[in-house]
Amino acid sequence: MIVTGALTAMAILQFIAPARILHTIYGEVPKDAASLALARHWGLLIFLIGTLLIYAALHPAVRDPAILVAMVEKIALGMGVLGTPLRRHPIATAIAAGDSMIALVYLLYLVGY
């Protein structure tokens, strides 16, 4: 959980530099301030999911709910990229595939496998 939490927390980079990160991932940057603000907010929220996973790794009482929240976020990202034309962007596809695999590991943990 610490490793996957740290990887997830790297989304703080999108909060710090949304235009650069969006360009790196998707090859394009939205021009309007609202889209950049939403991208920045999204980066912050995903960073917080990552820090929650790290916290939950050290505090068993919150582990299952934290894993469930992270799993939902990762499945949503996977579906939002892999199930849409965004999958034509190789970096976005790699991130979505990685998140989907992490979500599967979390699911196996939650069902006790």
C-alpha atoms as a PDB file:
ATOM      1  CA  MET A   1       0.000   0.000   0.000  1.00  0.00           C
ATOM      2  CA  ILE A   2       2.864   2.354   0.680  1.00  0.00           C
ATOM      3  CA  VAL A   3       4.288   1.833  -2.814  1.00  0.00           C
ATOM      4  CA  THR A   4       0.952   2.187  -4.615  1.00  0.00           C
ATOM      5  CA  GLY A   5       0.087   5.126  -2.369  1.00  0.00           C
ATOM      6  CA  ALA A   6       3.356   6.851  -3.233  1.00  0.00           C
ATOM      7  CA  LEU A   7       2.805   6.246  -6.952  1.00  0.00           C
ATOM      8  CA  THR A   8      -0.720   7.638  -6.658  1.00  0.00           C
ATOM      9  CA  ALA A   9       0.508  10.636  -4.656  1.00  0.00           C
ATOM     10  CA  MET A  10       2.751  11.606  -7.559  1.00  0.00           C
ATOM     11  CA  ALA A  11      -0.364  13.287  -8.971  1.00  0.00           C
ATOM     12  CA  ILE A  12       0.716  16.279  -6.879  1.00  0.00           C
ATOM     13  CA  LEU A  13       2.773  17.147  -9.955  1.00  0.00           C
ATOM     14  CA  GLN A  14      -0.467  17.813 -11.823  1.00  0.00           C
ATOM     15  CA  PHE A  15      -1.528  20.183  -9.055  1.00  0.00           C
ATOM     16  CA  ILE A  16       1.793  22.023  -9.280  1.00  0.00           C
ATOM     17  CA  ALA A  17       2.115  22.122 -13.086  1.00  0.00           C
ATOM     18  CA  PRO A  18      -1.172  21.088 -14.725  1.00  0.00           C
ATOM     19  CA  ALA A  19      -0.369  22.341 -18.231  1.00  0.00           C
ATOM     20  CA  ARG A  20       2.982  20.556 -18.381  1.00  0.00           C
ATOM     21  CA  ILE A  21       1.601  17.273 -17.015  1.00  0.00           C
ATOM     22  CA  LEU A  22      -1.438  17.318 -19.318  1.00  0.00           C
ATOM     23  CA  HIS A  23       0.850  17.980 -22.277  1.00  0.00           C
ATOM     24  CA  THR A  24       3.108  15.090 -21.250  1.00  0.00           C
ATOM     25  CA  ILE A  25       0.210  12.658 -20.808  1.00  0.00           C
ATOM     26  CA  TYR A  26      -2.160  13.721 -23.585  1.00  0.00           C
ATOM     27  CA  GLY A  27       0.014  15.737 -25.964  1.00  0.00           C
ATOM     28  CA  GLU A  28      -2.227  18.769 -25.654  1.00  0.00           C
ATOM     29  CA  VAL A  29      -3.132  21.439 -23.128  1.00  0.00           C
ATOM     30  CA  PRO A  30      -6.508  23.055 -22.556  1.00  0.00           C
ATOM     31  CA  LYS A  31      -6.351  26.788 -23.146  1.00  0.00           C
ATOM     32  CA  ASP A  32      -9.056  27.957 -20.766  1.00  0.00           C
ATOM     33  CA  ALA A  33      -8.450  28.693 -17.101  1.00  0.00           C
ATOM     34  CA  ALA A  34     -11.404  26.590 -15.934  1.00  0.00           C
ATOM     35  CA  SER A  35     -10.028  23.393 -17.489  1.00  0.00           C
ATOM     36  CA  LEU A  36      -6.599  23.998 -15.969  1.00  0.00           C
ATOM     37  CA  ALA A  37      -8.185  24.681 -12.578  1.00  0.00           C
ATOM     38  CA  LEU A  38     -10.144  21.420 -12.800  1.00  0.00           C
ATOM     39  CA  ALA A  39      -7.000  19.526 -13.815  1.00  0.00           C
ATOM     40  CA  ARG A  40      -5.153  21.059 -10.871  1.00  0.00           C
ATOM     41  CA  HIS A  41      -8.003  20.100  -8.515  1.00  0.00           C
ATOM     42  CA  TRP A  42      -8.058  16.548  -9.912  1.00  0.00           C
ATOM     43  CA  GLY A  43      -4.305  16.257  -9.292  1.00  0.00           C
ATOM     44  CA  LEU A  44      -4.785  17.369  -5.692  1.00  0.00           C
ATOM     45  CA  LEU A  45      -7.614  14.887  -5.089  1.00  0.00           C
ATOM     46  CA  ILE A  46      -5.622  11.972  -6.483  1.00  0.00           C
ATOM     47  CA  PHE A  47      -2.621  13.052  -4.399  1.00  0.00           C
ATOM     48  CA  LEU A  48      -4.877  12.906  -1.329  1.00  0.00           C
ATOM     49  CA  ILE A  49      -6.007   9.376  -2.267  1.00  0.00           C
ATOM     50  CA  GLY A  50      -2.325   8.404  -2.387  1.00  0.00           C
ATOM     51  CA  THR A  51      -1.583   9.910   1.015  1.00  0.00           C
ATOM     52  CA  LEU A  52      -4.683   8.184   2.398  1.00  0.00           C
ATOM     53  CA  LEU A  53      -3.322   4.848   1.148  1.00  0.00           C
ATOM     54  CA  ILE A  54       0.014   5.491   2.852  1.00  0.00           C
ATOM     55  CA  TYR A  55      -1.774   6.430   6.075  1.00  0.00           C
ATOM     56  CA  ALA A  56      -4.004   3.345   5.848  1.00  0.00           C
ATOM     57  CA  ALA A  57      -0.987   1.082   5.407  1.00  0.00           C
ATOM     58  CA  LEU A  58       0.091   2.131   8.881  1.00  0.00           C
ATOM     59  CA  HIS A  59      -3.385   2.280  10.474  1.00  0.00           C
ATOM     60  CA  PRO A  60      -5.365  -0.950   9.993  1.00  0.00           C
ATOM     61  CA  ALA A  61      -8.628   0.567  11.293  1.00  0.00           C
ATOM     62  CA  VAL A  62      -8.987   2.681   8.137  1.00  0.00           C
ATOM     63  CA  ARG A  63      -7.399   0.256   5.688  1.00  0.00           C
ATOM     64  CA  ASP A  64     -10.494  -1.314   4.129  1.00  0.00           C
ATOM     65  CA  PRO A  65     -12.405   1.965   3.560  1.00  0.00           C
ATOM     66  CA  ALA A  66      -9.266   3.639   2.161  1.00  0.00           C
ATOM     67  CA  ILE A  67      -8.644   0.738  -0.215  1.00  0.00           C
ATOM     68  CA  LEU A  68     -12.278   0.845  -1.334  1.00  0.00           C
ATOM     69  CA  VAL A  69     -12.081   4.577  -2.109  1.00  0.00           C
ATOM     70  CA  ALA A  70      -8.800   4.157  -3.986  1.00  0.00           C
ATOM     71  CA  MET A  71     -10.136   1.149  -5.873  1.00  0.00           C
ATOM     72  CA  VAL A  72     -13.169   3.112  -7.084  1.00  0.00           C
ATOM     73  CA  GLU A  73     -10.930   6.005  -8.197  1.00  0.00           C
ATOM     74  CA  LYS A  74      -8.595   3.665 -10.067  1.00  0.00           C
ATOM     75  CA  ILE A  75     -11.423   1.773 -11.773  1.00  0.00           C
ATOM     76  CA  ALA A  76     -12.986   5.079 -12.827  1.00  0.00           C
ATOM     77  CA  LEU A  77      -9.701   6.242 -14.340  1.00  0.00           C
ATOM     78  CA  GLY A  78      -9.232   2.930 -16.127  1.00  0.00           C
ATOM     79  CA  MET A  79     -12.730   3.049 -17.609  1.00  0.00           C
ATOM     80  CA  GLY A  80     -12.399   6.753 -18.408  1.00  0.00           C
ATOM     81  CA  VAL A  81      -9.257   6.194 -20.459  1.00  0.00           C
ATOM     82  CA  LEU A  82      -9.355   2.601 -21.695  1.00  0.00           C
ATOM     83  CA  GLY A  83     -13.027   2.778 -22.640  1.00  0.00           C
ATOM     84  CA  THR A  84     -12.731   6.028 -24.599  1.00  0.00           C
ATOM     85  CA  PRO A  85     -10.680   7.546 -27.427  1.00  0.00           C
ATOM     86  CA  LEU A  86      -8.203   8.741 -24.762  1.00  0.00           C
ATOM     87  CA  ARG A  87      -6.609   5.297 -25.034  1.00  0.00           C
ATOM     88  CA  ARG A  88      -4.821   6.526 -28.165  1.00  0.00           C
ATOM     89  CA  HIS A  89      -2.438   8.396 -25.852  1.00  0.00           C
ATOM     90  CA  PRO A  90       0.236   5.859 -24.788  1.00  0.00           C
ATOM     91  CA  ILE A  91       1.131   7.488 -21.461  1.00  0.00           C
ATOM     92  CA  ALA A  92      -2.534   7.845 -20.462  1.00  0.00           C
ATOM     93  CA  THR A  93      -3.105   4.217 -21.446  1.00  0.00           C
ATOM     94  CA  ALA A  94      -0.137   3.038 -19.374  1.00  0.00           C
ATOM     95  CA  ILE A  95      -1.331   4.994 -16.332  1.00  0.00           C
ATOM     96  CA  ALA A  96      -4.879   3.673 -16.732  1.00  0.00           C
ATOM     97  CA  ALA A  97      -3.683   0.089 -17.186  1.00  0.00           C
ATOM     98  CA  GLY A  98      -1.447   0.350 -14.124  1.00  0.00           C
ATOM     99  CA  ASP A  99      -4.257   1.804 -12.042  1.00  0.00           C
ATOM    100  CA  SER A 100      -6.607  -0.940 -13.251  1.00  0.00           C
ATOM    101  CA  MET A 101      -4.112  -3.610 -12.174  1.00  0.00           C
ATOM    102  CA  ILE A 102      -3.703  -1.958  -8.770  1.00  0.00           C
ATOM    103  CA  ALA A 103      -7.506  -1.873  -8.438  1.00  0.00           C
ATOM    104  CA  LEU A 104      -7.589  -5.617  -9.131  1.00  0.00           C
ATOM    105  CA  VAL A 105      -5.005  -6.241  -6.395  1.00  0.00           C
ATOM    106  CA  TYR A 106      -7.075  -4.107  -3.998  1.00  0.00           C
ATOM    107  CA  LEU A 107     -10.211  -6.053  -4.914  1.00  0.00           C
ATOM    108  CA  LEU A 108      -8.452  -9.362  -4.248  1.00  0.00           C
ATOM    109  CA  TYR A 109      -7.318  -8.002  -0.867  1.00  0.00           C
ATOM    110  CA  LEU A 110     -10.843  -6.856   0.060  1.00  0.00           C
ATOM    111  CA  VAL A 111     -12.410 -10.214  -0.784  1.00  0.00           C
ATOM    112  CA  GLY A 112      -9.760 -11.963   1.270  1.00  0.00           C
ATOM    113  CA  TYR A 113      -7.840 -13.682  -1.490  1.00  0.00           C
END
